[in-house]
Amino acid sequence: MEEEDCLFCKVVTGDTTAFKIYEDDKYIAILDIFPNVKGQTIVLPKKHIESYLFDLNEKELSDFMKSTKK
């Protein structure tokens, strides 16, 4: 998938609406529009990546996991 076709990139850039609950310089957290449980949240990196999280390097993965705790 190319970045211009990526729904999550559109959320990060503000080209599509989302309810933000957290944001820093690298990540954004939004409420899921189809949650399985109340308050279900999606944490997105601001940099486009393919969907397999474990392809990130150790630092990127560590930073991502720390942001999920916030």
PDB file of N, CA and C in Angstrom:
ATOM      1  N   MET A   1       0.847  -1.179   0.000  1.00  0.00           N
ATOM      2  CA  MET A   1       0.000   0.000   0.000  1.00  0.00           C
ATOM      3  C   MET A   1       0.889   1.238   0.000  1.00  0.00           C
ATOM      4  N   GLU A   2       0.595   2.166  -0.847  1.00  0.00           N
ATOM      5  CA  GLU A   2       1.346   3.404  -0.893  1.00  0.00           C
ATOM      6  C   GLU A   2       0.797   4.375   0.138  1.00  0.00           C
ATOM      7  N   GLU A   3       1.650   5.287   0.560  1.00  0.00           N
ATOM      8  CA  GLU A   3       1.261   6.227   1.618  1.00  0.00           C
ATOM      9  C   GLU A   3       0.009   7.022   1.284  1.00  0.00           C
ATOM     10  N   GLU A   4      -0.154   7.457   0.034  1.00  0.00           N
ATOM     11  CA  GLU A   4      -1.321   8.269  -0.303  1.00  0.00           C
ATOM     12  C   GLU A   4      -2.621   7.471  -0.218  1.00  0.00           C
ATOM     13  N   ASP A   5      -2.538   6.146  -0.230  1.00  0.00           N
ATOM     14  CA  ASP A   5      -3.717   5.299  -0.107  1.00  0.00           C
ATOM     15  C   ASP A   5      -3.937   4.808   1.330  1.00  0.00           C
ATOM     16  N   CYS A   6      -3.052   5.172   2.224  1.00  0.00           N
ATOM     17  CA  CYS A   6      -3.086   4.651   3.589  1.00  0.00           C
ATOM     18  C   CYS A   6      -4.046   5.480   4.453  1.00  0.00           C
ATOM     19  N   LEU A   7      -5.091   4.846   4.949  1.00  0.00           N
ATOM     20  CA  LEU A   7      -6.067   5.526   5.804  1.00  0.00           C
ATOM     21  C   LEU A   7      -5.398   6.108   7.042  1.00  0.00           C
ATOM     22  N   PHE A   8      -4.472   5.369   7.639  1.00  0.00           N
ATOM     23  CA  PHE A   8      -3.833   5.836   8.865  1.00  0.00           C
ATOM     24  C   PHE A   8      -2.947   7.051   8.614  1.00  0.00           C
ATOM     25  N   CYS A   9      -2.291   7.105   7.456  1.00  0.00           N
ATOM     26  CA  CYS A   9      -1.512   8.301   7.101  1.00  0.00           C
ATOM     27  C   CYS A   9      -2.439   9.506   6.954  1.00  0.00           C
ATOM     28  N   LYS A  10      -3.632   9.278   6.440  1.00  0.00           N
ATOM     29  CA  LYS A  10      -4.606  10.365   6.302  1.00  0.00           C
ATOM     30  C   LYS A  10      -5.072  10.864   7.667  1.00  0.00           C
ATOM     31  N   VAL A  11      -5.165   9.971   8.642  1.00  0.00           N
ATOM     32  CA  VAL A  11      -5.512  10.372  10.008  1.00  0.00           C
ATOM     33  C   VAL A  11      -4.390  11.234  10.580  1.00  0.00           C
ATOM     34  N   VAL A  12      -3.144  10.782  10.412  1.00  0.00           N
ATOM     35  CA  VAL A  12      -1.985  11.509  10.939  1.00  0.00           C
ATOM     36  C   VAL A  12      -1.885  12.909  10.345  1.00  0.00           C
ATOM     37  N   THR A  13      -2.117  13.044   9.044  1.00  0.00           N
ATOM     38  CA  THR A  13      -2.001  14.347   8.386  1.00  0.00           C
ATOM     39  C   THR A  13      -3.235  15.221   8.564  1.00  0.00           C
ATOM     40  N   GLY A  14      -4.318  14.647   9.095  1.00  0.00           N
ATOM     41  CA  GLY A  14      -5.547  15.404   9.296  1.00  0.00           C
ATOM     42  C   GLY A  14      -6.449  15.425   8.076  1.00  0.00           C
ATOM     43  N   ASP A  15      -6.124  14.617   7.057  1.00  0.00           N
ATOM     44  CA  ASP A  15      -6.950  14.561   5.850  1.00  0.00           C
ATOM     45  C   ASP A  15      -8.239  13.771   6.053  1.00  0.00           C
ATOM     46  N   THR A  16      -8.347  13.058   7.157  1.00  0.00           N
ATOM     47  CA  THR A  16      -9.589  12.393   7.533  1.00  0.00           C
ATOM     48  C   THR A  16      -9.783  12.608   9.028  1.00  0.00           C
ATOM     49  N   THR A  17     -11.010  12.619   9.465  1.00  0.00           N
ATOM     50  CA  THR A  17     -11.287  12.944  10.867  1.00  0.00           C
ATOM     51  C   THR A  17     -11.072  11.752  11.782  1.00  0.00           C
ATOM     52  N   ALA A  18     -10.662  12.064  12.997  1.00  0.00           N
ATOM     53  CA  ALA A  18     -10.481  11.052  14.038  1.00  0.00           C
ATOM     54  C   ALA A  18     -10.527  11.765  15.381  1.00  0.00           C
ATOM     55  N   PHE A  19     -10.894  11.038  16.411  1.00  0.00           N
ATOM     56  CA  PHE A  19     -10.926  11.599  17.755  1.00  0.00           C
ATOM     57  C   PHE A  19      -9.595  11.290  18.430  1.00  0.00           C
ATOM     58  N   LYS A  20      -8.698  12.286  18.473  1.00  0.00           N
ATOM     59  CA  LYS A  20      -7.372  12.111  19.063  1.00  0.00           C
ATOM     60  C   LYS A  20      -7.474  12.122  20.582  1.00  0.00           C
ATOM     61  N   ILE A  21      -6.764  11.181  21.205  1.00  0.00           N
ATOM     62  CA  ILE A  21      -6.702  11.187  22.663  1.00  0.00           C
ATOM     63  C   ILE A  21      -5.276  11.353  23.170  1.00  0.00           C
ATOM     64  N   TYR A  22      -4.292  11.239  22.269  1.00  0.00           N
ATOM     65  CA  TYR A  22      -2.884  11.433  22.639  1.00  0.00           C
ATOM     66  C   TYR A  22      -2.105  11.754  21.375  1.00  0.00           C
ATOM     67  N   GLU A  23      -1.094  12.614  21.536  1.00  0.00           N
ATOM     68  CA  GLU A  23      -0.212  12.903  20.409  1.00  0.00           C
ATOM     69  C   GLU A  23       1.117  13.418  20.938  1.00  0.00           C
ATOM     70  N   ASP A  24       2.200  12.935  20.333  1.00  0.00           N
ATOM     71  CA  ASP A  24       3.518  13.509  20.593  1.00  0.00           C
ATOM     72  C   ASP A  24       4.213  13.656  19.250  1.00  0.00           C
ATOM     73  N   ASP A  25       5.519  13.833  19.240  1.00  0.00           N
ATOM     74  CA  ASP A  25       6.215  14.087  17.980  1.00  0.00           C
ATOM     75  C   ASP A  25       6.309  12.858  17.078  1.00  0.00           C
ATOM     76  N   LYS A  26       6.142  11.651  17.634  1.00  0.00           N
ATOM     77  CA  LYS A  26       6.276  10.428  16.831  1.00  0.00           C
ATOM     78  C   LYS A  26       4.995   9.620  16.666  1.00  0.00           C
ATOM     79  N   TYR A  27       4.035   9.787  17.600  1.00  0.00           N
ATOM     80  CA  TYR A  27       2.859   8.922  17.609  1.00  0.00           C
ATOM     81  C   TYR A  27       1.581   9.701  17.840  1.00  0.00           C
ATOM     82  N   ILE A  28       0.487   9.091  17.449  1.00  0.00           N
ATOM     83  CA  ILE A  28      -0.839   9.646  17.690  1.00  0.00           C
ATOM     84  C   ILE A  28      -1.734   8.485  18.125  1.00  0.00           C
ATOM     85  N   ALA A  29      -2.611   8.726  19.078  1.00  0.00           N
ATOM     86  CA  ALA A  29      -3.562   7.712  19.524  1.00  0.00           C
ATOM     87  C   ALA A  29      -4.969   8.237  19.258  1.00  0.00           C
ATOM     88  N   ILE A  30      -5.796   7.382  18.687  1.00  0.00           N
ATOM     89  CA  ILE A  30      -7.170   7.752  18.353  1.00  0.00           C
ATOM     90  C   ILE A  30      -8.124   6.683  18.871  1.00  0.00           C
ATOM     91  N   LEU A  31      -9.370   7.092  19.063  1.00  0.00           N
ATOM     92  CA  LEU A  31     -10.389   6.107  19.422  1.00  0.00           C
ATOM     93  C   LEU A  31     -10.784   5.324  18.173  1.00  0.00           C
ATOM     94  N   ASP A  32     -10.944   4.026  18.323  1.00  0.00           N
ATOM     95  CA  ASP A  32     -11.366   3.147  17.240  1.00  0.00           C
ATOM     96  C   ASP A  32     -12.835   3.432  16.912  1.00  0.00           C
ATOM     97  N   ILE A  33     -13.174   3.555  15.634  1.00  0.00           N
ATOM     98  CA  ILE A  33     -14.572   3.834  15.278  1.00  0.00           C
ATOM     99  C   ILE A  33     -15.446   2.587  15.346  1.00  0.00           C
ATOM    100  N   PHE A  34     -14.825   1.401  15.380  1.00  0.00           N
ATOM    101  CA  PHE A  34     -15.564   0.149  15.536  1.00  0.00           C
ATOM    102  C   PHE A  34     -14.950  -0.655  16.683  1.00  0.00           C
ATOM    103  N   PRO A  35     -15.069  -0.150  17.908  1.00  0.00           N
ATOM    104  CA  PRO A  35     -14.389  -0.808  19.030  1.00  0.00           C
ATOM    105  C   PRO A  35     -15.053  -2.117  19.448  1.00  0.00           C
ATOM    106  N   ASN A  36     -14.229  -3.038  19.920  1.00  0.00           N
ATOM    107  CA  ASN A  36     -14.741  -4.263  20.535  1.00  0.00           C
ATOM    108  C   ASN A  36     -15.102  -4.017  21.994  1.00  0.00           C
ATOM    109  N   VAL A  37     -14.420  -3.051  22.601  1.00  0.00           N
ATOM    110  CA  VAL A  37     -14.702  -2.645  23.978  1.00  0.00           C
ATOM    111  C   VAL A  37     -14.705  -1.124  24.040  1.00  0.00           C
ATOM    112  N   LYS A  38     -15.442  -0.561  24.982  1.00  0.00           N
ATOM    113  CA  LYS A  38     -15.538   0.889  25.130  1.00  0.00           C
ATOM    114  C   LYS A  38     -14.142   1.486  25.355  1.00  0.00           C
ATOM    115  N   GLY A  39     -13.814   2.516  24.599  1.00  0.00           N
ATOM    116  CA  GLY A  39     -12.537   3.192  24.754  1.00  0.00           C
ATOM    117  C   GLY A  39     -11.378   2.566  24.001  1.00  0.00           C
ATOM    118  N   GLN A  40     -11.663   1.562  23.164  1.00  0.00           N
ATOM    119  CA  GLN A  40     -10.583   0.915  22.415  1.00  0.00           C
ATOM    120  C   GLN A  40      -9.822   1.961  21.606  1.00  0.00           C
ATOM    121  N   THR A  41      -8.505   1.906  21.716  1.00  0.00           N
ATOM    122  CA  THR A  41      -7.639   2.927  21.145  1.00  0.00           C
ATOM    123  C   THR A  41      -6.674   2.315  20.138  1.00  0.00           C
ATOM    124  N   ILE A  42      -6.368   3.092  19.094  1.00  0.00           N
ATOM    125  CA  ILE A  42      -5.380   2.701  18.096  1.00  0.00           C
ATOM    126  C   ILE A  42      -4.217   3.685  18.201  1.00  0.00           C
ATOM    127  N   VAL A  43      -3.010   3.161  18.358  1.00  0.00           N
ATOM    128  CA  VAL A  43      -1.816   3.998  18.404  1.00  0.00           C
ATOM    129  C   VAL A  43      -1.122   3.879  17.048  1.00  0.00           C
ATOM    130  N   LEU A  44      -0.872   5.040  16.437  1.00  0.00           N
ATOM    131  CA  LEU A  44      -0.293   5.074  15.096  1.00  0.00           C
ATOM    132  C   LEU A  44       1.039   5.805  15.103  1.00  0.00           C
ATOM    133  N   PRO A  45       2.031   5.271  14.400  1.00  0.00           N
ATOM    134  CA  PRO A  45       3.253   6.050  14.211  1.00  0.00           C
ATOM    135  C   PRO A  45       2.972   7.142  13.178  1.00  0.00           C
ATOM    136  N   LYS A  46       3.581   8.296  13.343  1.00  0.00           N
ATOM    137  CA  LYS A  46       3.386   9.370  12.377  1.00  0.00           C
ATOM    138  C   LYS A  46       4.145   9.107  11.085  1.00  0.00           C
ATOM    139  N   LYS A  47       5.136   8.213  11.148  1.00  0.00           N
ATOM    140  CA  LYS A  47       5.884   7.805   9.965  1.00  0.00           C
ATOM    141  C   LYS A  47       5.206   6.566   9.378  1.00  0.00           C
ATOM    142  N   HIS A  48       4.937   6.570   8.083  1.00  0.00           N
ATOM    143  CA  HIS A  48       4.287   5.425   7.448  1.00  0.00           C
ATOM    144  C   HIS A  48       5.171   4.187   7.545  1.00  0.00           C
ATOM    145  N   ILE A  49       4.586   3.101   8.018  1.00  0.00           N
ATOM    146  CA  ILE A  49       5.266   1.802   8.019  1.00  0.00           C
ATOM    147  C   ILE A  49       4.289   0.776   7.485  1.00  0.00           C
ATOM    148  N   GLU A  50       4.820  -0.336   7.041  1.00  0.00           N
ATOM    149  CA  GLU A  50       3.939  -1.441   6.666  1.00  0.00           C
ATOM    150  C   GLU A  50       3.320  -1.987   7.946  1.00  0.00           C
ATOM    151  N   SER A  51       2.319  -2.800   7.837  1.00  0.00           N
ATOM    152  CA  SER A  51       1.513  -3.171   8.999  1.00  0.00           C
ATOM    153  C   SER A  51       2.175  -4.147   9.965  1.00  0.00           C
ATOM    154  N   TYR A  52       3.302  -4.754   9.614  1.00  0.00           N
ATOM    155  CA  TYR A  52       3.922  -5.711  10.528  1.00  0.00           C
ATOM    156  C   TYR A  52       4.833  -4.975  11.497  1.00  0.00           C
ATOM    157  N   LEU A  53       4.355  -4.763  12.710  1.00  0.00           N
ATOM    158  CA  LEU A  53       5.022  -3.963  13.729  1.00  0.00           C
ATOM    159  C   LEU A  53       6.424  -4.468  14.052  1.00  0.00           C
ATOM    160  N   PHE A  54       6.623  -5.771  14.021  1.00  0.00           N
ATOM    161  CA  PHE A  54       7.900  -6.335  14.448  1.00  0.00           C
ATOM    162  C   PHE A  54       8.998  -6.190  13.412  1.00  0.00           C
ATOM    163  N   ASP A  55       8.701  -5.517  12.289  1.00  0.00           N
ATOM    164  CA  ASP A  55       9.746  -5.144  11.336  1.00  0.00           C
ATOM    165  C   ASP A  55      10.476  -3.870  11.774  1.00  0.00           C
ATOM    166  N   LEU A  56       9.950  -3.199  12.797  1.00  0.00           N
ATOM    167  CA  LEU A  56      10.618  -2.005  13.315  1.00  0.00           C
ATOM    168  C   LEU A  56      11.927  -2.395  13.978  1.00  0.00           C
ATOM    169  N   ASN A  57      12.884  -1.460  13.986  1.00  0.00           N
ATOM    170  CA  ASN A  57      14.124  -1.750  14.709  1.00  0.00           C
ATOM    171  C   ASN A  57      13.844  -1.666  16.215  1.00  0.00           C
ATOM    172  N   GLU A  58      14.813  -2.074  17.026  1.00  0.00           N
ATOM    173  CA  GLU A  58      14.614  -2.145  18.480  1.00  0.00           C
ATOM    174  C   GLU A  58      14.202  -0.802  19.084  1.00  0.00           C
ATOM    175  N   LYS A  59      14.852   0.277  18.688  1.00  0.00           N
ATOM    176  CA  LYS A  59      14.540   1.606  19.233  1.00  0.00           C
ATOM    177  C   LYS A  59      13.127   2.031  18.858  1.00  0.00           C
ATOM    178  N   GLU A  60      12.760   1.857  17.579  1.00  0.00           N
ATOM    179  CA  GLU A  60      11.417   2.230  17.134  1.00  0.00           C
ATOM    180  C   GLU A  60      10.354   1.415  17.852  1.00  0.00           C
ATOM    181  N   LEU A  61      10.580   0.120  17.995  1.00  0.00           N
ATOM    182  CA  LEU A  61       9.618  -0.739  18.681  1.00  0.00           C
ATOM    183  C   LEU A  61       9.504  -0.365  20.158  1.00  0.00           C
ATOM    184  N   SER A  62      10.629  -0.096  20.785  1.00  0.00           N
ATOM    185  CA  SER A  62      10.625   0.309  22.191  1.00  0.00           C
ATOM    186  C   SER A  62       9.870   1.631  22.373  1.00  0.00           C
ATOM    187  N   ASP A  63      10.143   2.607  21.509  1.00  0.00           N
ATOM    188  CA  ASP A  63       9.450   3.896  21.584  1.00  0.00           C
ATOM    189  C   ASP A  63       7.947   3.724  21.369  1.00  0.00           C
ATOM    190  N   PHE A  64       7.587   2.864  20.431  1.00  0.00           N
ATOM    191  CA  PHE A  64       6.170   2.611  20.155  1.00  0.00           C
ATOM    192  C   PHE A  64       5.487   2.021  21.389  1.00  0.00           C
ATOM    193  N   MET A  65       6.100   1.011  21.972  1.00  0.00           N
ATOM    194  CA  MET A  65       5.495   0.358  23.136  1.00  0.00           C
ATOM    195  C   MET A  65       5.380   1.318  24.307  1.00  0.00           C
ATOM    196  N   LYS A  66       6.365   2.180  24.493  1.00  0.00           N
ATOM    197  CA  LYS A  66       6.287   3.175  25.574  1.00  0.00           C
ATOM    198  C   LYS A  66       5.127   4.146  25.330  1.00  0.00           C
ATOM    199  N   SER A  67       4.907   4.496  24.087  1.00  0.00           N
ATOM    200  CA  SER A  67       3.803   5.422  23.787  1.00  0.00           C
ATOM    201  C   SER A  67       2.460   4.779  24.057  1.00  0.00           C
ATOM    202  N   THR A  68       2.342   3.455  23.915  1.00  0.00           N
ATOM    203  CA  THR A  68       1.067   2.790  24.176  1.00  0.00           C
ATOM    204  C   THR A  68       0.690   2.856  25.655  1.00  0.00           C
ATOM    205  N   LYS A  69       1.675   2.956  26.525  1.00  0.00           N
ATOM    206  CA  LYS A  69       1.399   3.054  27.955  1.00  0.00           C
ATOM    207  C   LYS A  69       0.871   4.422  28.353  1.00  0.00           C
ATOM    208  N   LYS A  70       1.180   5.431  27.544  1.00  0.00           N
ATOM    209  CA  LYS A  70       0.737   6.786  27.876  1.00  0.00           C
ATOM    210  C   LYS A  70      -0.740   6.925  27.613  1.00  0.00           C
TER     211      LYS A  70
END
